[in-house]
Amino acid sequence: QVQLVESGGGSVQAGGPLRLSCAASPYIYSHYMGWFRQSPGKEREGVSTIVIWGSTRYADSVKGRITLSKDNAKNTAYLQMNSLKPEDTAMYYCADDREDYGLKTGYDDWGQGTQVTVSS
């Protein structure tokens, strides 16, 4: 089982950037990882995923504004978010699995989440 710890959330004005980090233990080089978000009263939705060989996928709502990357040497995945909008406000979670679930929530391992709040 992989333990995941998210960080980097906070409050930001619309149009601003944030970078979220997901530190994994023990390793992530052979795993699929994803970032998801959930707002109160809404279902958890996929934001972005990265596969073992580095290819990424993004939800239509964030394409062009968000970049997912991972540093296998540091066992850390990053979610760089630019041009943030109030509708991006949510708890953001990273997830990990040995199988590829894409933007679906079937991942085995989840972090506790980090809150992102975007004000207009």
N, C-alpha and C. Protein backbone atom coordinates (compact mmCIF):
# COMPACT_ATOMS: atom_id res chain seq x y z
N GLN A 1 0.83 -1.19 0.00
CA GLN A 1 0.00 0.00 0.00
C GLN A 1 0.87 1.25 0.00
N VAL A 2 0.44 2.24 -0.75
CA VAL A 2 1.20 3.49 -0.85
C VAL A 2 0.52 4.55 0.00
N GLN A 3 1.34 5.26 0.77
CA GLN A 3 0.81 6.39 1.55
C GLN A 3 1.04 7.68 0.78
N LEU A 4 0.02 8.51 0.73
CA LEU A 4 0.07 9.74 -0.05
C LEU A 4 -0.23 10.93 0.84
N VAL A 5 0.56 11.99 0.70
CA VAL A 5 0.35 13.20 1.48
C VAL A 5 0.36 14.40 0.55
N GLU A 6 -0.79 15.07 0.47
CA GLU A 6 -0.90 16.26 -0.38
C GLU A 6 -0.51 17.51 0.39
N SER A 7 -0.02 18.50 -0.35
CA SER A 7 0.29 19.80 0.24
C SER A 7 0.20 20.86 -0.85
N GLY A 8 0.23 22.11 -0.42
CA GLY A 8 0.27 23.22 -1.38
C GLY A 8 -1.05 23.93 -1.59
N GLY A 9 -2.11 23.42 -0.99
CA GLY A 9 -3.39 24.09 -1.14
C GLY A 9 -3.40 25.43 -0.42
N GLY A 10 -4.44 26.20 -0.66
CA GLY A 10 -4.56 27.50 -0.01
C GLY A 10 -5.61 28.35 -0.68
N SER A 11 -5.61 29.62 -0.34
CA SER A 11 -6.55 30.57 -0.92
C SER A 11 -5.83 31.45 -1.93
N VAL A 12 -6.46 31.68 -3.05
CA VAL A 12 -5.84 32.46 -4.13
C VAL A 12 -6.92 33.25 -4.85
N GLN A 13 -6.52 34.37 -5.41
CA GLN A 13 -7.45 35.18 -6.22
C GLN A 13 -7.63 34.52 -7.58
N ALA A 14 -8.79 34.72 -8.16
CA ALA A 14 -9.03 34.20 -9.51
C ALA A 14 -7.95 34.69 -10.45
N GLY A 15 -7.50 33.79 -11.31
CA GLY A 15 -6.43 34.12 -12.24
C GLY A 15 -5.05 33.76 -11.74
N GLY A 16 -4.95 33.46 -10.45
CA GLY A 16 -3.64 33.16 -9.86
C GLY A 16 -3.27 31.70 -10.00
N PRO A 17 -2.03 31.37 -9.59
CA PRO A 17 -1.54 30.01 -9.67
C PRO A 17 -1.43 29.34 -8.29
N LEU A 18 -1.39 28.03 -8.31
CA LEU A 18 -1.05 27.23 -7.14
C LEU A 18 -0.38 25.98 -7.65
N ARG A 19 0.53 25.45 -6.85
CA ARG A 19 1.13 24.16 -7.17
C ARG A 19 0.90 23.21 -6.01
N LEU A 20 0.23 22.12 -6.31
CA LEU A 20 -0.01 21.09 -5.32
C LEU A 20 1.05 20.00 -5.46
N SER A 21 1.39 19.42 -4.33
CA SER A 21 2.35 18.32 -4.32
C SER A 21 1.71 17.10 -3.67
N CYS A 22 2.15 15.95 -4.12
CA CYS A 22 1.69 14.69 -3.54
C CYS A 22 2.93 13.83 -3.29
N ALA A 23 3.30 13.72 -2.04
CA ALA A 23 4.46 12.90 -1.66
C ALA A 23 4.00 11.49 -1.38
N ALA A 24 4.67 10.54 -2.02
CA ALA A 24 4.27 9.14 -1.90
C ALA A 24 5.33 8.32 -1.20
N SER A 25 4.87 7.33 -0.49
CA SER A 25 5.77 6.38 0.17
C SER A 25 5.20 4.98 -0.01
N PRO A 26 5.96 3.99 -0.48
CA PRO A 26 7.41 4.09 -0.64
C PRO A 26 7.87 4.59 -2.00
N TYR A 27 7.11 4.33 -3.09
CA TYR A 27 7.57 4.78 -4.39
C TYR A 27 6.39 4.87 -5.35
N ILE A 28 6.63 5.55 -6.48
CA ILE A 28 5.55 5.72 -7.45
C ILE A 28 5.96 5.41 -8.87
N TYR A 29 7.22 5.00 -9.07
CA TYR A 29 7.70 4.91 -10.45
C TYR A 29 6.95 3.88 -11.26
N SER A 30 6.36 2.88 -10.60
CA SER A 30 5.66 1.83 -11.35
C SER A 30 4.15 1.94 -11.18
N HIS A 31 3.69 3.12 -10.76
CA HIS A 31 2.27 3.27 -10.47
C HIS A 31 1.61 4.32 -11.36
N TYR A 32 0.31 4.22 -11.47
CA TYR A 32 -0.50 5.24 -12.10
C TYR A 32 -0.98 6.18 -11.01
N MET A 33 -0.95 7.47 -11.31
CA MET A 33 -1.37 8.44 -10.30
C MET A 33 -2.38 9.41 -10.88
N GLY A 34 -3.20 9.95 -10.01
CA GLY A 34 -4.20 10.90 -10.46
C GLY A 34 -4.49 11.95 -9.43
N TRP A 35 -5.02 13.05 -9.87
CA TRP A 35 -5.52 14.11 -8.99
C TRP A 35 -7.03 14.22 -9.21
N PHE A 36 -7.74 14.32 -8.11
CA PHE A 36 -9.18 14.43 -8.14
C PHE A 36 -9.59 15.61 -7.27
N ARG A 37 -10.82 16.05 -7.41
CA ARG A 37 -11.30 17.12 -6.55
C ARG A 37 -12.77 16.89 -6.21
N GLN A 38 -13.15 17.44 -5.08
CA GLN A 38 -14.53 17.29 -4.64
C GLN A 38 -14.98 18.55 -3.93
N SER A 39 -16.10 19.08 -4.37
CA SER A 39 -16.72 20.24 -3.73
C SER A 39 -17.89 19.74 -2.90
N PRO A 40 -18.28 20.51 -1.88
CA PRO A 40 -19.42 20.10 -1.05
C PRO A 40 -20.66 19.83 -1.90
N GLY A 41 -21.28 18.69 -1.68
CA GLY A 41 -22.49 18.35 -2.40
C GLY A 41 -22.29 17.78 -3.78
N LYS A 42 -21.04 17.66 -4.19
CA LYS A 42 -20.75 17.14 -5.53
C LYS A 42 -19.94 15.86 -5.43
N GLU A 43 -19.99 15.08 -6.48
CA GLU A 43 -19.20 13.86 -6.53
C GLU A 43 -17.73 14.19 -6.81
N ARG A 44 -16.87 13.29 -6.36
CA ARG A 44 -15.45 13.46 -6.64
C ARG A 44 -15.22 13.27 -8.13
N GLU A 45 -14.46 14.18 -8.72
CA GLU A 45 -14.23 14.13 -10.16
C GLU A 45 -12.75 14.11 -10.47
N GLY A 46 -12.41 13.44 -11.56
CA GLY A 46 -11.02 13.37 -11.99
C GLY A 46 -10.58 14.68 -12.61
N VAL A 47 -9.38 15.12 -12.25
CA VAL A 47 -8.79 16.35 -12.79
C VAL A 47 -7.71 16.00 -13.80
N SER A 48 -6.81 15.12 -13.38
CA SER A 48 -5.69 14.78 -14.25
C SER A 48 -5.07 13.48 -13.78
N THR A 49 -4.53 12.71 -14.73
CA THR A 49 -3.84 11.48 -14.38
C THR A 49 -2.55 11.38 -15.16
N ILE A 50 -1.62 10.58 -14.62
CA ILE A 50 -0.35 10.35 -15.29
C ILE A 50 -0.06 8.87 -15.24
N VAL A 51 0.35 8.33 -16.37
CA VAL A 51 0.63 6.91 -16.44
C VAL A 51 2.12 6.66 -16.21
N ILE A 52 2.48 5.39 -16.13
CA ILE A 52 3.84 5.01 -15.76
C ILE A 52 4.89 5.68 -16.64
N TRP A 53 4.64 5.70 -17.96
CA TRP A 53 5.64 6.23 -18.88
C TRP A 53 5.54 7.75 -19.05
N GLY A 54 4.65 8.38 -18.27
CA GLY A 54 4.63 9.84 -18.22
C GLY A 54 3.54 10.54 -18.99
N SER A 55 2.77 9.81 -19.78
CA SER A 55 1.68 10.47 -20.51
C SER A 55 0.62 10.95 -19.54
N THR A 56 0.05 12.08 -19.85
CA THR A 56 -0.95 12.69 -18.97
C THR A 56 -2.30 12.83 -19.65
N ARG A 57 -3.33 12.88 -18.84
CA ARG A 57 -4.68 13.13 -19.31
C ARG A 57 -5.31 14.19 -18.43
N TYR A 58 -6.18 15.00 -19.00
CA TYR A 58 -6.80 16.09 -18.27
C TYR A 58 -8.30 16.13 -18.53
N ALA A 59 -9.02 16.51 -17.50
CA ALA A 59 -10.45 16.76 -17.68
C ALA A 59 -10.62 17.99 -18.58
N ASP A 60 -11.69 18.01 -19.35
CA ASP A 60 -11.92 19.12 -20.27
C ASP A 60 -11.96 20.46 -19.53
N SER A 61 -12.45 20.44 -18.30
CA SER A 61 -12.63 21.68 -17.54
C SER A 61 -11.31 22.33 -17.13
N VAL A 62 -10.21 21.59 -17.21
CA VAL A 62 -8.93 22.15 -16.76
C VAL A 62 -7.86 22.16 -17.84
N LYS A 63 -8.17 21.62 -19.02
CA LYS A 63 -7.18 21.57 -20.09
C LYS A 63 -6.65 22.96 -20.41
N GLY A 64 -5.34 23.03 -20.55
CA GLY A 64 -4.70 24.30 -20.87
C GLY A 64 -4.35 25.13 -19.66
N ARG A 65 -4.87 24.75 -18.49
CA ARG A 65 -4.63 25.53 -17.27
C ARG A 65 -3.85 24.73 -16.23
N ILE A 66 -3.85 23.42 -16.35
CA ILE A 66 -3.27 22.57 -15.32
C ILE A 66 -2.27 21.61 -15.96
N THR A 67 -1.15 21.41 -15.27
CA THR A 67 -0.12 20.48 -15.73
C THR A 67 0.24 19.53 -14.61
N LEU A 68 0.18 18.24 -14.92
CA LEU A 68 0.56 17.20 -13.95
C LEU A 68 1.93 16.64 -14.33
N SER A 69 2.78 16.52 -13.34
CA SER A 69 4.10 15.93 -13.58
C SER A 69 4.48 15.11 -12.36
N LYS A 70 5.49 14.29 -12.51
CA LYS A 70 5.97 13.54 -11.35
C LYS A 70 7.48 13.41 -11.41
N ASP A 71 8.07 13.38 -10.24
CA ASP A 71 9.50 13.21 -10.08
C ASP A 71 9.71 11.87 -9.38
N ASN A 72 10.08 10.86 -10.15
CA ASN A 72 10.21 9.52 -9.57
C ASN A 72 11.32 9.46 -8.52
N ALA A 73 12.36 10.26 -8.70
CA ALA A 73 13.46 10.25 -7.74
C ALA A 73 13.01 10.78 -6.38
N LYS A 74 12.04 11.69 -6.39
CA LYS A 74 11.53 12.27 -5.14
C LYS A 74 10.22 11.63 -4.71
N ASN A 75 9.73 10.67 -5.51
CA ASN A 75 8.44 10.03 -5.21
C ASN A 75 7.35 11.06 -4.99
N THR A 76 7.33 12.05 -5.84
CA THR A 76 6.38 13.15 -5.67
C THR A 76 5.74 13.50 -7.01
N ALA A 77 4.45 13.74 -6.97
CA ALA A 77 3.72 14.21 -8.14
C ALA A 77 3.29 15.65 -7.88
N TYR A 78 3.25 16.44 -8.94
CA TYR A 78 2.93 17.86 -8.81
C TYR A 78 1.76 18.21 -9.72
N LEU A 79 0.92 19.11 -9.25
CA LEU A 79 -0.19 19.61 -10.07
C LEU A 79 -0.05 21.12 -10.11
N GLN A 80 0.46 21.63 -11.23
CA GLN A 80 0.60 23.06 -11.40
C GLN A 80 -0.69 23.61 -11.97
N MET A 81 -1.31 24.51 -11.23
CA MET A 81 -2.60 25.06 -11.64
C MET A 81 -2.44 26.55 -11.91
N ASN A 82 -2.79 26.98 -13.09
CA ASN A 82 -2.72 28.38 -13.47
C ASN A 82 -4.11 28.89 -13.85
N SER A 83 -4.23 30.20 -13.91
CA SER A 83 -5.51 30.82 -14.31
C SER A 83 -6.68 30.21 -13.56
N LEU A 84 -6.52 30.12 -12.25
CA LEU A 84 -7.55 29.48 -11.44
C LEU A 84 -8.86 30.26 -11.46
N LYS A 85 -9.95 29.53 -11.39
CA LYS A 85 -11.29 30.09 -11.42
C LYS A 85 -12.00 29.74 -10.11
N PRO A 86 -13.00 30.53 -9.73
CA PRO A 86 -13.76 30.19 -8.51
C PRO A 86 -14.34 28.78 -8.55
N GLU A 87 -14.68 28.30 -9.72
CA GLU A 87 -15.24 26.95 -9.83
C GLU A 87 -14.19 25.87 -9.63
N ASP A 88 -12.93 26.23 -9.50
CA ASP A 88 -11.89 25.27 -9.18
C ASP A 88 -11.81 25.03 -7.68
N THR A 89 -12.56 25.79 -6.90
CA THR A 89 -12.57 25.62 -5.45
C THR A 89 -13.05 24.22 -5.08
N ALA A 90 -12.24 23.51 -4.31
CA ALA A 90 -12.56 22.12 -3.95
C ALA A 90 -11.46 21.58 -3.04
N MET A 91 -11.73 20.41 -2.47
CA MET A 91 -10.68 19.63 -1.82
C MET A 91 -10.04 18.79 -2.93
N TYR A 92 -8.73 18.87 -3.01
CA TYR A 92 -7.99 18.14 -4.02
C TYR A 92 -7.29 16.93 -3.40
N TYR A 93 -7.45 15.79 -4.06
CA TYR A 93 -6.88 14.54 -3.57
C TYR A 93 -5.96 13.94 -4.63
N CYS A 94 -4.88 13.32 -4.19
CA CYS A 94 -4.12 12.51 -5.14
C CYS A 94 -4.41 11.04 -4.85
N ALA A 95 -4.24 10.24 -5.87
CA ALA A 95 -4.55 8.82 -5.79
C ALA A 95 -3.51 8.03 -6.56
N ASP A 96 -3.41 6.77 -6.22
CA ASP A 96 -2.34 5.92 -6.76
C ASP A 96 -2.85 4.49 -6.89
N ASP A 97 -2.39 3.82 -7.94
CA ASP A 97 -2.75 2.40 -8.10
C ASP A 97 -1.80 1.75 -9.08
N ARG A 98 -1.72 0.45 -9.04
CA ARG A 98 -0.92 -0.29 -10.03
C ARG A 98 -1.68 -0.49 -11.33
N GLU A 99 -2.97 -0.23 -11.31
CA GLU A 99 -3.78 -0.33 -12.52
C GLU A 99 -4.20 1.07 -12.95
N ASP A 100 -4.52 1.19 -14.23
CA ASP A 100 -4.88 2.48 -14.80
C ASP A 100 -6.39 2.66 -14.76
N TYR A 101 -6.85 3.54 -13.89
CA TYR A 101 -8.27 3.85 -13.81
C TYR A 101 -8.62 5.15 -14.52
N GLY A 102 -7.63 5.77 -15.13
CA GLY A 102 -7.90 7.02 -15.83
C GLY A 102 -8.47 8.06 -14.90
N LEU A 103 -9.50 8.75 -15.32
CA LEU A 103 -10.12 9.80 -14.51
C LEU A 103 -11.25 9.26 -13.63
N LYS A 104 -11.35 7.95 -13.53
CA LYS A 104 -12.36 7.35 -12.67
C LYS A 104 -11.78 7.15 -11.28
N THR A 105 -12.65 6.99 -10.29
CA THR A 105 -12.19 6.97 -8.90
C THR A 105 -11.90 5.58 -8.37
N GLY A 106 -11.44 4.67 -9.21
CA GLY A 106 -11.22 3.30 -8.77
C GLY A 106 -9.87 3.04 -8.10
N TYR A 107 -9.09 4.08 -7.89
CA TYR A 107 -7.74 3.92 -7.34
C TYR A 107 -7.81 3.35 -5.92
N ASP A 108 -6.79 2.56 -5.57
CA ASP A 108 -6.75 1.94 -4.26
C ASP A 108 -6.33 2.91 -3.16
N ASP A 109 -5.32 3.72 -3.44
CA ASP A 109 -4.71 4.55 -2.39
C ASP A 109 -5.06 6.02 -2.61
N TRP A 110 -5.42 6.68 -1.50
CA TRP A 110 -5.81 8.08 -1.54
C TRP A 110 -5.14 8.85 -0.42
N GLY A 111 -4.84 10.11 -0.69
CA GLY A 111 -4.37 10.99 0.35
C GLY A 111 -5.54 11.61 1.09
N GLN A 112 -5.21 12.47 2.07
CA GLN A 112 -6.24 13.10 2.89
C GLN A 112 -6.80 14.36 2.25
N GLY A 113 -6.13 14.87 1.26
CA GLY A 113 -6.65 16.04 0.55
C GLY A 113 -6.03 17.34 1.00
N THR A 114 -6.07 18.32 0.11
CA THR A 114 -5.63 19.68 0.42
C THR A 114 -6.64 20.64 -0.20
N GLN A 115 -7.06 21.62 0.58
CA GLN A 115 -8.13 22.52 0.16
C GLN A 115 -7.60 23.63 -0.73
N VAL A 116 -8.30 23.86 -1.82
CA VAL A 116 -8.01 24.98 -2.71
C VAL A 116 -9.24 25.87 -2.76
N THR A 117 -9.06 27.14 -2.47
CA THR A 117 -10.16 28.09 -2.49
C THR A 117 -9.78 29.25 -3.40
N VAL A 118 -10.60 29.50 -4.41
CA VAL A 118 -10.34 30.56 -5.38
C VAL A 118 -11.43 31.61 -5.24
N SER A 119 -11.03 32.82 -4.93
CA SER A 119 -12.00 33.90 -4.75
C SER A 119 -12.02 34.80 -5.98
N SER A 120 -13.20 35.35 -6.24
CA SER A 120 -13.35 36.19 -7.43
C SER A 120 -13.01 37.64 -7.12
